């Protein structure tokens, strides 16, 4: 069963279920139904305005910089590990990692 809820003196109405009207009456305290419903709507709108559901360009740039730095450090670790194993174990893969490390280092310097 639905019930009409008068929202203000200008005869604007909202049709809601009985349980919604009951919840409004239980929680509105000293406010009128109109004041309470307006308050809830304004709170919801303010909350939506403050919410950012996307990444800004600056945040994305910082994320990219940090990821490049992470990959750089990761490759640097493996190259230094390969050097401690000894030159006999260095092969083409390790040389490719070194080249990638240098490329990332240049990219990282250019980004700053």
PDB file of N, CA and C in Angstrom:
ATOM      1  N   UNK A   1       0.835  -1.172   0.000  1.00  0.00           N
ATOM      2  CA  UNK A   1       0.000   0.000   0.000  1.00  0.00           C
ATOM      3  C   UNK A   1       0.879   1.234   0.000  1.00  0.00           C
ATOM      4  N   UNK A   2       0.557   2.200  -0.852  1.00  0.00           N
ATOM      5  CA  UNK A   2       1.336   3.417  -0.959  1.00  0.00           C
ATOM      6  C   UNK A   2       0.623   4.537  -0.224  1.00  0.00           C
ATOM      7  N   UNK A   3       1.399   5.503   0.172  1.00  0.00           N
ATOM      8  CA  UNK A   3       0.854   6.622   0.916  1.00  0.00           C
ATOM      9  C   UNK A   3       1.445   7.895   0.371  1.00  0.00           C
ATOM     10  N   UNK A   4       0.652   8.925   0.288  1.00  0.00           N
ATOM     11  CA  UNK A   4       1.115  10.200  -0.221  1.00  0.00           C
ATOM     12  C   UNK A   4       1.774  10.976   0.909  1.00  0.00           C
ATOM     13  N   UNK A   5       2.945  11.501   0.637  1.00  0.00           N
ATOM     14  CA  UNK A   5       3.688  12.288   1.612  1.00  0.00           C
ATOM     15  C   UNK A   5       3.794  13.702   1.086  1.00  0.00           C
ATOM     16  N   UNK A   6       3.206  14.660   1.777  1.00  0.00           N
ATOM     17  CA  UNK A   6       3.264  16.055   1.355  1.00  0.00           C
ATOM     18  C   UNK A   6       4.629  16.598   1.755  1.00  0.00           C
ATOM     19  N   UNK A   7       5.393  17.108   0.786  1.00  0.00           N
ATOM     20  CA  UNK A   7       6.744  17.570   1.065  1.00  0.00           C
ATOM     21  C   UNK A   7       6.823  19.033   1.447  1.00  0.00           C
ATOM     22  N   UNK A   8       5.979  19.868   0.933  1.00  0.00           N
ATOM     23  CA  UNK A   8       6.014  21.259   1.374  1.00  0.00           C
ATOM     24  C   UNK A   8       4.666  21.928   1.168  1.00  0.00           C
ATOM     25  N   UNK A   9       4.634  23.170   1.496  1.00  0.00           N
ATOM     26  CA  UNK A   9       3.385  23.903   1.460  1.00  0.00           C
ATOM     27  C   UNK A   9       2.902  24.192   0.040  1.00  0.00           C
ATOM     28  N   UNK A  10       3.736  23.992  -0.951  1.00  0.00           N
ATOM     29  CA  UNK A  10       3.365  24.247  -2.340  1.00  0.00           C
ATOM     30  C   UNK A  10       2.695  23.038  -2.984  1.00  0.00           C
ATOM     31  N   UNK A  11       2.239  22.129  -2.166  1.00  0.00           N
ATOM     32  CA  UNK A  11       1.505  20.950  -2.608  1.00  0.00           C
ATOM     33  C   UNK A  11       2.329  19.999  -3.473  1.00  0.00           C
ATOM     34  N   UNK A  12       3.638  19.996  -3.298  1.00  0.00           N
ATOM     35  CA  UNK A  12       4.449  18.966  -3.954  1.00  0.00           C
ATOM     36  C   UNK A  12       4.311  17.694  -3.142  1.00  0.00           C
ATOM     37  N   UNK A  13       4.098  16.602  -3.834  1.00  0.00           N
ATOM     38  CA  UNK A  13       3.892  15.350  -3.114  1.00  0.00           C
ATOM     39  C   UNK A  13       4.826  14.265  -3.641  1.00  0.00           C
ATOM     40  N   UNK A  14       5.049  13.289  -2.776  1.00  0.00           N
ATOM     41  CA  UNK A  14       5.829  12.121  -3.138  1.00  0.00           C
ATOM     42  C   UNK A  14       5.024  10.914  -2.688  1.00  0.00           C
ATOM     43  N   UNK A  15       4.915   9.936  -3.546  1.00  0.00           N
ATOM     44  CA  UNK A  15       4.179   8.724  -3.213  1.00  0.00           C
ATOM     45  C   UNK A  15       5.196   7.670  -2.814  1.00  0.00           C
ATOM     46  N   UNK A  16       5.063   7.194  -1.578  1.00  0.00           N
ATOM     47  CA  UNK A  16       5.998   6.206  -1.050  1.00  0.00           C
ATOM     48  C   UNK A  16       5.209   5.114  -0.332  1.00  0.00           C
ATOM     49  N   UNK A  17       5.879   4.035  -0.043  1.00  0.00           N
ATOM     50  CA  UNK A  17       5.241   2.943   0.693  1.00  0.00           C
ATOM     51  C   UNK A  17       5.104   3.324   2.160  1.00  0.00           C
ATOM     52  N   UNK A  18       4.198   2.637   2.831  1.00  0.00           N
ATOM     53  CA  UNK A  18       3.937   2.911   4.246  1.00  0.00           C
ATOM     54  C   UNK A  18       5.183   2.753   5.109  1.00  0.00           C
ATOM     55  N   UNK A  19       5.996   1.746   4.801  1.00  0.00           N
ATOM     56  CA  UNK A  19       7.182   1.528   5.634  1.00  0.00           C
ATOM     57  C   UNK A  19       8.193   2.660   5.493  1.00  0.00           C
ATOM     58  N   UNK A  20       8.240   3.317   4.341  1.00  0.00           N
ATOM     59  CA  UNK A  20       9.143   4.463   4.163  1.00  0.00           C
ATOM     60  C   UNK A  20       8.657   5.625   5.018  1.00  0.00           C
ATOM     61  N   UNK A  21       7.354   5.872   5.011  1.00  0.00           N
ATOM     62  CA  UNK A  21       6.788   6.938   5.845  1.00  0.00           C
ATOM     63  C   UNK A  21       7.053   6.636   7.315  1.00  0.00           C
ATOM     64  N   UNK A  22       6.916   5.382   7.708  1.00  0.00           N
ATOM     65  CA  UNK A  22       7.175   4.982   9.091  1.00  0.00           C
ATOM     66  C   UNK A  22       8.634   5.237   9.454  1.00  0.00           C
ATOM     67  N   UNK A  23       9.562   4.903   8.562  1.00  0.00           N
ATOM     68  CA  UNK A  23      10.979   5.139   8.825  1.00  0.00           C
ATOM     69  C   UNK A  23      11.270   6.632   8.932  1.00  0.00           C
ATOM     70  N   UNK A  24      10.658   7.419   8.071  1.00  0.00           N
ATOM     71  CA  UNK A  24      10.838   8.877   8.142  1.00  0.00           C
ATOM     72  C   UNK A  24      10.352   9.377   9.488  1.00  0.00           C
ATOM     73  N   UNK A  25       9.183   8.956   9.903  1.00  0.00           N
ATOM     74  CA  UNK A  25       8.624   9.412  11.179  1.00  0.00           C
ATOM     75  C   UNK A  25       9.471   8.961  12.362  1.00  0.00           C
ATOM     76  N   UNK A  26      10.058   7.767  12.281  1.00  0.00           N
ATOM     77  CA  UNK A  26      10.887   7.253  13.383  1.00  0.00           C
ATOM     78  C   UNK A  26      12.200   8.019  13.521  1.00  0.00           C
ATOM     79  N   UNK A  27      12.738   8.521  12.422  1.00  0.00           N
ATOM     80  CA  UNK A  27      14.073   9.117  12.457  1.00  0.00           C
ATOM     81  C   UNK A  27      14.108  10.641  12.348  1.00  0.00           C
ATOM     82  N   UNK A  28      12.996  11.283  12.119  1.00  0.00           N
ATOM     83  CA  UNK A  28      13.033  12.717  11.844  1.00  0.00           C
ATOM     84  C   UNK A  28      13.137  13.580  13.085  1.00  0.00           C
ATOM     85  N   UNK A  29      12.859  13.021  14.245  1.00  0.00           N
ATOM     86  CA  UNK A  29      12.966  13.799  15.477  1.00  0.00           C
ATOM     87  C   UNK A  29      12.004  14.976  15.470  1.00  0.00           C
ATOM     88  N   UNK A  30      12.537  16.186  15.713  1.00  0.00           N
ATOM     89  CA  UNK A  30      11.724  17.394  15.770  1.00  0.00           C
ATOM     90  C   UNK A  30      11.477  18.010  14.392  1.00  0.00           C
ATOM     91  N   UNK A  31      12.136  17.487  13.369  1.00  0.00           N
ATOM     92  CA  UNK A  31      11.961  18.020  12.018  1.00  0.00           C
ATOM     93  C   UNK A  31      10.607  17.607  11.450  1.00  0.00           C
ATOM     94  N   UNK A  32      10.093  18.417  10.577  1.00  0.00           N
ATOM     95  CA  UNK A  32       8.900  18.010   9.848  1.00  0.00           C
ATOM     96  C   UNK A  32       9.313  16.989   8.796  1.00  0.00           C
ATOM     97  N   UNK A  33       8.361  16.308   8.233  1.00  0.00           N
ATOM     98  CA  UNK A  33       8.682  15.355   7.181  1.00  0.00           C
ATOM     99  C   UNK A  33       9.392  16.044   6.031  1.00  0.00           C
ATOM    100  N   UNK A  34       8.896  17.217   5.660  1.00  0.00           N
ATOM    101  CA  UNK A  34       9.500  17.969   4.559  1.00  0.00           C
ATOM    102  C   UNK A  34      10.944  18.319   4.870  1.00  0.00           C
ATOM    103  N   UNK A  35      11.212  18.834   6.067  1.00  0.00           N
ATOM    104  CA  UNK A  35      12.575  19.217   6.448  1.00  0.00           C
ATOM    105  C   UNK A  35      13.491  17.998   6.460  1.00  0.00           C
ATOM    106  N   UNK A  36      12.986  16.901   6.968  1.00  0.00           N
ATOM    107  CA  UNK A  36      13.803  15.693   7.058  1.00  0.00           C
ATOM    108  C   UNK A  36      14.144  15.139   5.680  1.00  0.00           C
ATOM    109  N   UNK A  37      13.160  15.035   4.802  1.00  0.00           N
ATOM    110  CA  UNK A  37      13.406  14.524   3.448  1.00  0.00           C
ATOM    111  C   UNK A  37      14.348  15.464   2.701  1.00  0.00           C
ATOM    112  N   UNK A  38      14.156  16.768   2.816  1.00  0.00           N
ATOM    113  CA  UNK A  38      15.070  17.734   2.183  1.00  0.00           C
ATOM    114  C   UNK A  38      16.485  17.590   2.729  1.00  0.00           C
ATOM    115  N   UNK A  39      16.599  17.399   4.043  1.00  0.00           N
ATOM    116  CA  UNK A  39      17.910  17.208   4.660  1.00  0.00           C
ATOM    117  C   UNK A  39      18.596  15.959   4.098  1.00  0.00           C
ATOM    118  N   UNK A  40      17.870  14.847   4.006  1.00  0.00           N
ATOM    119  CA  UNK A  40      18.448  13.611   3.464  1.00  0.00           C
ATOM    120  C   UNK A  40      18.912  13.793   2.019  1.00  0.00           C
ATOM    121  N   UNK A  41      18.091  14.472   1.238  1.00  0.00           N
ATOM    122  CA  UNK A  41      18.448  14.692  -0.170  1.00  0.00           C
ATOM    123  C   UNK A  41      19.689  15.560  -0.270  1.00  0.00           C
ATOM    124  N   UNK A  42      19.752  16.644   0.517  1.00  0.00           N
ATOM    125  CA  UNK A  42      20.924  17.531   0.484  1.00  0.00           C
ATOM    126  C   UNK A  42      22.185  16.802   0.928  1.00  0.00           C
ATOM    127  N   UNK A  43      22.086  15.977   1.954  1.00  0.00           N
ATOM    128  CA  UNK A  43      23.249  15.203   2.410  1.00  0.00           C
ATOM    129  C   UNK A  43      23.742  14.257   1.316  1.00  0.00           C
ATOM    130  N   UNK A  44      22.821  13.613   0.653  1.00  0.00           N
ATOM    131  CA  UNK A  44      23.192  12.688  -0.417  1.00  0.00           C
ATOM    132  C   UNK A  44      23.850  13.431  -1.576  1.00  0.00           C
ATOM    133  N   UNK A  45      23.311  14.585  -1.937  1.00  0.00           N
ATOM    134  CA  UNK A  45      23.889  15.367  -3.036  1.00  0.00           C
ATOM    135  C   UNK A  45      25.284  15.865  -2.681  1.00  0.00           C
ATOM    136  N   UNK A  46      25.486  16.329  -1.451  1.00  0.00           N
ATOM    137  CA  UNK A  46      26.822  16.789  -1.021  1.00  0.00           C
ATOM    138  C   UNK A  46      27.819  15.648  -1.047  1.00  0.00           C
ATOM    139  N   UNK A  47      27.384  14.462  -0.618  1.00  0.00           N
ATOM    140  CA  UNK A  47      28.266  13.298  -0.623  1.00  0.00           C
ATOM    141  C   UNK A  47      28.666  12.927  -2.046  1.00  0.00           C
ATOM    142  N   UNK A  48      27.726  12.989  -2.973  1.00  0.00           N
ATOM    143  CA  UNK A  48      28.010  12.657  -4.372  1.00  0.00           C
ATOM    144  C   UNK A  48      28.960  13.664  -4.998  1.00  0.00           C
ATOM    145  N   UNK A  49      28.841  14.940  -4.630  1.00  0.00           N
ATOM    146  CA  UNK A  49      29.711  15.965  -5.195  1.00  0.00           C
ATOM    147  C   UNK A  49      31.148  15.790  -4.729  1.00  0.00           C
ATOM    148  N   UNK A  50      31.337  15.345  -3.495  1.00  0.00           N
ATOM    149  CA  UNK A  50      32.680  15.180  -2.956  1.00  0.00           C
ATOM    150  C   UNK A  50      33.369  13.918  -3.419  1.00  0.00           C
ATOM    151  N   UNK A  51      32.639  12.989  -3.988  1.00  0.00           N
ATOM    152  CA  UNK A  51      33.190  11.709  -4.405  1.00  0.00           C
ATOM    153  C   UNK A  51      33.822  11.827  -5.789  1.00  0.00           C
ATOM    154  N   UNK A  52      34.987  11.249  -5.923  1.00  0.00           N
ATOM    155  CA  UNK A  52      35.691  11.256  -7.204  1.00  0.00           C
ATOM    156  C   UNK A  52      35.876   9.804  -7.633  1.00  0.00           C
ATOM    157  N   UNK A  53      35.175   9.404  -8.687  1.00  0.00           N
ATOM    158  CA  UNK A  53      35.207   8.018  -9.136  1.00  0.00           C
ATOM    159  C   UNK A  53      36.208   7.787 -10.271  1.00  0.00           C
ATOM    160  N   UNK A  54      37.191   8.648 -10.389  1.00  0.00           N
ATOM    161  CA  UNK A  54      38.161   8.504 -11.458  1.00  0.00           C
ATOM    162  C   UNK A  54      39.530   8.954 -10.951  1.00  0.00           C
ATOM    163  N   UNK A  55      40.531   8.642 -11.714  1.00  0.00           N
ATOM    164  CA  UNK A  55      41.903   9.000 -11.365  1.00  0.00           C
ATOM    165  C   UNK A  55      42.264  10.277 -12.115  1.00  0.00           C
ATOM    166  N   UNK A  56      42.846  11.222 -11.390  1.00  0.00           N
ATOM    167  CA  UNK A  56      43.257  12.464 -12.048  1.00  0.00           C
ATOM    168  C   UNK A  56      44.536  12.223 -12.852  1.00  0.00           C
ATOM    169  N   UNK A  57      44.842  13.150 -13.727  1.00  0.00           N
ATOM    170  CA  UNK A  57      46.049  13.027 -14.556  1.00  0.00           C
ATOM    171  C   UNK A  57      47.305  13.017 -13.689  1.00  0.00           C
ATOM    172  N   UNK A  58      47.306  13.851 -12.650  1.00  0.00           N
ATOM    173  CA  UNK A  58      48.472  13.908 -11.758  1.00  0.00           C
ATOM    174  C   UNK A  58      48.650  12.588 -11.005  1.00  0.00           C
ATOM    175  N   UNK A  59      47.543  11.996 -10.548  1.00  0.00           N
ATOM    176  CA  UNK A  59      47.623  10.714  -9.851  1.00  0.00           C
ATOM    177  C   UNK A  59      48.119   9.617 -10.793  1.00  0.00           C
ATOM    178  N   UNK A  60      47.646   9.631 -12.034  1.00  0.00           N
ATOM    179  CA  UNK A  60      48.088   8.623 -12.991  1.00  0.00           C
ATOM    180  C   UNK A  60      49.569   8.791 -13.319  1.00  0.00           C
ATOM    181  N   UNK A  61      50.017  10.024 -13.460  1.00  0.00           N
ATOM    182  CA  UNK A  61      51.430  10.277 -13.748  1.00  0.00           C
ATOM    183  C   UNK A  61      52.305   9.797 -12.589  1.00  0.00           C
ATOM    184  N   UNK A  62      51.871  10.058 -11.362  1.00  0.00           N
ATOM    185  CA  UNK A  62      52.623   9.606 -10.192  1.00  0.00           C
ATOM    186  C   UNK A  62      52.645   8.078 -10.128  1.00  0.00           C
ATOM    187  N   UNK A  63      51.519   7.446 -10.432  1.00  0.00           N
ATOM    188  CA  UNK A  63      51.461   5.986 -10.460  1.00  0.00           C
ATOM    189  C   UNK A  63      52.430   5.433 -11.510  1.00  0.00           C
ATOM    190  N   UNK A  64      52.447   6.027 -12.694  1.00  0.00           N
ATOM    191  CA  UNK A  64      53.351   5.580 -13.761  1.00  0.00           C
ATOM    192  C   UNK A  64      54.804   5.725 -13.337  1.00  0.00           C
ATOM    193  N   UNK A  65      55.114   6.839 -12.684  1.00  0.00           N
ATOM    194  CA  UNK A  65      56.483   7.066 -12.222  1.00  0.00           C
ATOM    195  C   UNK A  65      56.885   6.008 -11.194  1.00  0.00           C
ATOM    196  N   UNK A  66      55.989   5.724 -10.268  1.00  0.00           N
ATOM    197  CA  UNK A  66      56.290   4.727  -9.241  1.00  0.00           C
ATOM    198  C   UNK A  66      56.428   3.326  -9.829  1.00  0.00           C
ATOM    199  N   UNK A  67      55.613   3.000 -10.821  1.00  0.00           N
ATOM    200  CA  UNK A  67      55.726   1.690 -11.460  1.00  0.00           C
ATOM    201  C   UNK A  67      57.040   1.571 -12.225  1.00  0.00           C
ATOM    202  N   UNK A  68      57.439   2.641 -12.899  1.00  0.00           N
ATOM    203  CA  UNK A  68      58.727   2.628 -13.606  1.00  0.00           C
ATOM    204  C   UNK A  68      59.867   2.446 -12.625  1.00  0.00           C
ATOM    205  N   UNK A  69      59.762   3.122 -11.501  1.00  0.00           N
ATOM    206  CA  UNK A  69      60.793   2.999 -10.475  1.00  0.00           C
ATOM    207  C   UNK A  69      60.832   1.576  -9.912  1.00  0.00           C
ATOM    208  N   UNK A  70      59.678   0.975  -9.722  1.00  0.00           N
ATOM    209  CA  UNK A  70      59.605  -0.396  -9.226  1.00  0.00           C
ATOM    210  C   UNK A  70      60.248  -1.368 -10.209  1.00  0.00           C
ATOM    211  N   UNK A  71      59.924  -1.237 -11.476  1.00  0.00           N
ATOM    212  CA  UNK A  71      60.508  -2.114 -12.492  1.00  0.00           C
ATOM    213  C   UNK A  71      62.020  -1.894 -12.571  1.00  0.00           C
ATOM    214  N   UNK A  72      62.439  -0.645 -12.499  1.00  0.00           N
ATOM    215  CA  UNK A  72      63.867  -0.314 -12.514  1.00  0.00           C
ATOM    216  C   UNK A  72      64.580  -1.011 -11.357  1.00  0.00           C
ATOM    217  N   UNK A  73      64.033  -0.898 -10.151  1.00  0.00           N
ATOM    218  CA  UNK A  73      64.648  -1.530  -8.981  1.00  0.00           C
ATOM    219  C   UNK A  73      64.637  -3.044  -9.094  1.00  0.00           C
ATOM    220  N   UNK A  74      63.560  -3.582  -9.640  1.00  0.00           N
ATOM    221  CA  UNK A  74      63.459  -5.021  -9.841  1.00  0.00           C
ATOM    222  C   UNK A  74      64.550  -5.512 -10.787  1.00  0.00           C
ATOM    223  N   UNK A  75      64.694  -4.845 -11.918  1.00  0.00           N
ATOM    224  CA  UNK A  75      65.723  -5.243 -12.887  1.00  0.00           C
ATOM    225  C   UNK A  75      67.129  -5.038 -12.320  1.00  0.00           C
ATOM    226  N   UNK A  76      67.306  -3.955 -11.583  1.00  0.00           N
ATOM    227  CA  UNK A  76      68.610  -3.686 -10.978  1.00  0.00           C
ATOM    228  C   UNK A  76      68.991  -4.813 -10.014  1.00  0.00           C
ATOM    229  N   UNK A  77      68.032  -5.289  -9.269  1.00  0.00           N
ATOM    230  CA  UNK A  77      68.289  -6.400  -8.353  1.00  0.00           C
ATOM    231  C   UNK A  77      68.746  -7.639  -9.118  1.00  0.00           C
ATOM    232  N   UNK A  78      68.027  -7.986 -10.182  1.00  0.00           N
ATOM    233  CA  UNK A  78      68.381  -9.191 -10.909  1.00  0.00           C
ATOM    234  C   UNK A  78      69.706  -9.057 -11.648  1.00  0.00           C
ATOM    235  N   UNK A  79      70.016  -7.882 -12.122  1.00  0.00           N
ATOM    236  CA  UNK A  79      71.322  -7.692 -12.770  1.00  0.00           C
ATOM    237  C   UNK A  79      72.436  -7.817 -11.747  1.00  0.00           C
ATOM    238  N   UNK A  80      72.253  -7.197 -10.579  1.00  0.00           N
ATOM    239  CA  UNK A  80      73.296  -7.314  -9.553  1.00  0.00           C
ATOM    240  C   UNK A  80      73.407  -8.758  -9.060  1.00  0.00           C
ATOM    241  N   UNK A  81      72.295  -9.473  -9.009  1.00  0.00           N
ATOM    242  CA  UNK A  81      72.326 -10.875  -8.628  1.00  0.00           C
ATOM    243  C   UNK A  81      73.096 -11.681  -9.676  1.00  0.00           C
ATOM    244  N   UNK A  82      72.853 -11.370 -10.955  1.00  0.00           N
ATOM    245  CA  UNK A  82      73.567 -12.060 -12.025  1.00  0.00           C
ATOM    246  C   UNK A  82      75.058 -11.802 -11.980  1.00  0.00           C
ATOM    247  N   UNK A  83      75.440 -10.603 -11.550  1.00  0.00           N
ATOM    248  CA  UNK A  83      76.870 -10.287 -11.455  1.00  0.00           C
ATOM    249  C   UNK A  83      77.518 -11.035 -10.297  1.00  0.00           C
ATOM    250  N   UNK A  84      76.763 -11.275  -9.222  1.00  0.00           N
ATOM    251  CA  UNK A  84      77.344 -12.006  -8.098  1.00  0.00           C
ATOM    252  C   UNK A  84      77.484 -13.489  -8.408  1.00  0.00           C
ATOM    253  N   UNK A  85      76.666 -14.001  -9.321  1.00  0.00           N
ATOM    254  CA  UNK A  85      76.769 -15.402  -9.715  1.00  0.00           C
ATOM    255  C   UNK A  85      78.078 -15.619 -10.465  1.00  0.00           C
ATOM    256  N   UNK A  86      78.490 -14.621 -11.209  1.00  0.00           N
ATOM    257  CA  UNK A  86      79.759 -14.719 -11.920  1.00  0.00           C
ATOM    258  C   UNK A  86      79.600 -14.496 -13.401  1.00  0.00           C
ATOM    259  N   UNK A  87      80.684 -14.054 -14.042  1.00  0.00           N
ATOM    260  CA  UNK A  87      80.612 -13.766 -15.470  1.00  0.00           C
ATOM    261  C   UNK A  87      80.380 -15.007 -16.320  1.00  0.00           C
ATOM    262  N   UNK A  88      80.664 -16.178 -15.824  1.00  0.00           N
ATOM    263  CA  UNK A  88      80.463 -17.399 -16.603  1.00  0.00           C
ATOM    264  C   UNK A  88      78.977 -17.665 -16.852  1.00  0.00           C
ATOM    265  N   UNK A  89      78.116 -17.154 -15.985  1.00  0.00           N
ATOM    266  CA  UNK A  89      76.690 -17.408 -16.110  1.00  0.00           C
ATOM    267  C   UNK A  89      75.934 -16.288 -16.814  1.00  0.00           C
ATOM    268  N   UNK A  90      76.648 -15.225 -17.171  1.00  0.00           N
ATOM    269  CA  UNK A  90      75.967 -14.143 -17.873  1.00  0.00           C
ATOM    270  C   UNK A  90      75.689 -14.595 -19.299  1.00  0.00           C
ATOM    271  N   UNK A  91      74.487 -14.403 -19.741  1.00  0.00           N
ATOM    272  CA  UNK A  91      74.139 -14.774 -21.092  1.00  0.00           C
ATOM    273  C   UNK A  91      73.369 -13.624 -21.733  1.00  0.00           C
ATOM    274  N   UNK A  92      72.771 -13.905 -22.849  1.00  0.00           N
ATOM    275  CA  UNK A  92      72.051 -12.889 -23.609  1.00  0.00           C
ATOM    276  C   UNK A  92      70.893 -12.310 -22.815  1.00  0.00           C
ATOM    277  N   UNK A  93      70.170 -13.136 -22.066  1.00  0.00           N
ATOM    278  CA  UNK A  93      69.031 -12.654 -21.282  1.00  0.00           C
ATOM    279  C   UNK A  93      69.458 -11.588 -20.283  1.00  0.00           C
ATOM    280  N   UNK A  94      70.587 -11.794 -19.640  1.00  0.00           N
ATOM    281  CA  UNK A  94      71.072 -10.825 -18.671  1.00  0.00           C
ATOM    282  C   UNK A  94      71.476  -9.534 -19.363  1.00  0.00           C
ATOM    283  N   UNK A  95      72.041  -9.626 -20.543  1.00  0.00           N
ATOM    284  CA  UNK A  95      72.395  -8.423 -21.298  1.00  0.00           C
ATOM    285  C   UNK A  95      71.139  -7.676 -21.730  1.00  0.00           C
ATOM    286  N   UNK A  96      70.095  -8.400 -22.091  1.00  0.00           N
ATOM    287  CA  UNK A  96      68.826  -7.757 -22.443  1.00  0.00           C
ATOM    288  C   UNK A  96      68.226  -7.051 -21.233  1.00  0.00           C
ATOM    289  N   UNK A  97      68.313  -7.665 -20.079  1.00  0.00           N
ATOM    290  CA  UNK A  97      67.829  -7.020 -18.862  1.00  0.00           C
ATOM    291  C   UNK A  97      68.603  -5.733 -18.580  1.00  0.00           C
ATOM    292  N   UNK A  98      69.900  -5.784 -18.813  1.00  0.00           N
ATOM    293  CA  UNK A  98      70.722  -4.579 -18.626  1.00  0.00           C
ATOM    294  C   UNK A  98      70.294  -3.461 -19.563  1.00  0.00           C
ATOM    295  N   UNK A  99      70.017  -3.800 -20.804  1.00  0.00           N
ATOM    296  CA  UNK A  99      69.562  -2.801 -21.772  1.00  0.00           C
ATOM    297  C   UNK A  99      68.203  -2.227 -21.363  1.00  0.00           C
ATOM    298  N   UNK A 100      67.317  -3.084 -20.893  1.00  0.00           N
ATOM    299  CA  UNK A 100      66.013  -2.602 -20.424  1.00  0.00           C
ATOM    300  C   UNK A 100      66.167  -1.708 -19.197  1.00  0.00           C
ATOM    301  N   UNK A 101      67.089  -2.056 -18.331  1.00  0.00           N
ATOM    302  CA  UNK A 101      67.343  -1.244 -17.147  1.00  0.00           C
ATOM    303  C   UNK A 101      67.813   0.151 -17.540  1.00  0.00           C
ATOM    304  N   UNK A 102      68.689   0.213 -18.492  1.00  0.00           N
ATOM    305  CA  UNK A 102      69.173   1.515 -18.955  1.00  0.00           C
ATOM    306  C   UNK A 102      68.052   2.326 -19.596  1.00  0.00           C
ATOM    307  N   UNK A 103      67.199   1.658 -20.370  1.00  0.00           N
ATOM    308  CA  UNK A 103      66.059   2.345 -20.993  1.00  0.00           C
ATOM    309  C   UNK A 103      65.121   2.897 -19.929  1.00  0.00           C
ATOM    310  N   UNK A 104      64.832   2.092 -18.932  1.00  0.00           N
ATOM    311  CA  UNK A 104      63.959   2.550 -17.847  1.00  0.00           C
ATOM    312  C   UNK A 104      64.593   3.682 -17.060  1.00  0.00           C
ATOM    313  N   UNK A 105      65.890   3.602 -16.844  1.00  0.00           N
ATOM    314  CA  UNK A 105      66.578   4.668 -16.113  1.00  0.00           C
ATOM    315  C   UNK A 105      66.485   5.985 -16.889  1.00  0.00           C
ATOM    316  N   UNK A 106      66.662   5.925 -18.207  1.00  0.00           N
ATOM    317  CA  UNK A 106      66.545   7.151 -19.019  1.00  0.00           C
ATOM    318  C   UNK A 106      65.108   7.677 -18.983  1.00  0.00           C
ATOM    319  N   UNK A 107      64.132   6.781 -19.094  1.00  0.00           N
ATOM    320  CA  UNK A 107      62.726   7.186 -19.052  1.00  0.00           C
ATOM    321  C   UNK A 107      62.393   7.817 -17.719  1.00  0.00           C
ATOM    322  N   UNK A 108      62.907   7.222 -16.650  1.00  0.00           N
ATOM    323  CA  UNK A 108      62.641   7.724 -15.308  1.00  0.00           C
ATOM    324  C   UNK A 108      63.256   9.123 -15.145  1.00  0.00           C
ATOM    325  N   UNK A 109      64.461   9.334 -15.644  1.00  0.00           N
ATOM    326  CA  UNK A 109      65.093  10.668 -15.552  1.00  0.00           C
ATOM    327  C   UNK A 109      64.359  11.689 -16.394  1.00  0.00           C
ATOM    328  N   UNK A 110      63.893  11.261 -17.580  1.00  0.00           N
ATOM    329  CA  UNK A 110      63.174  12.189 -18.461  1.00  0.00           C
ATOM    330  C   UNK A 110      61.814  12.581 -17.895  1.00  0.00           C
ATOM    331  N   UNK A 111      61.169  11.649 -17.188  1.00  0.00           N
ATOM    332  CA  UNK A 111      59.838  11.915 -16.616  1.00  0.00           C
ATOM    333  C   UNK A 111      59.917  12.927 -15.477  1.00  0.00           C
ATOM    334  N   UNK A 112      61.019  12.948 -14.757  1.00  0.00           N
ATOM    335  CA  UNK A 112      61.171  13.912 -13.655  1.00  0.00           C
ATOM    336  C   UNK A 112      61.505  15.263 -14.216  1.00  0.00           C
TER     337      UNK A 112
END
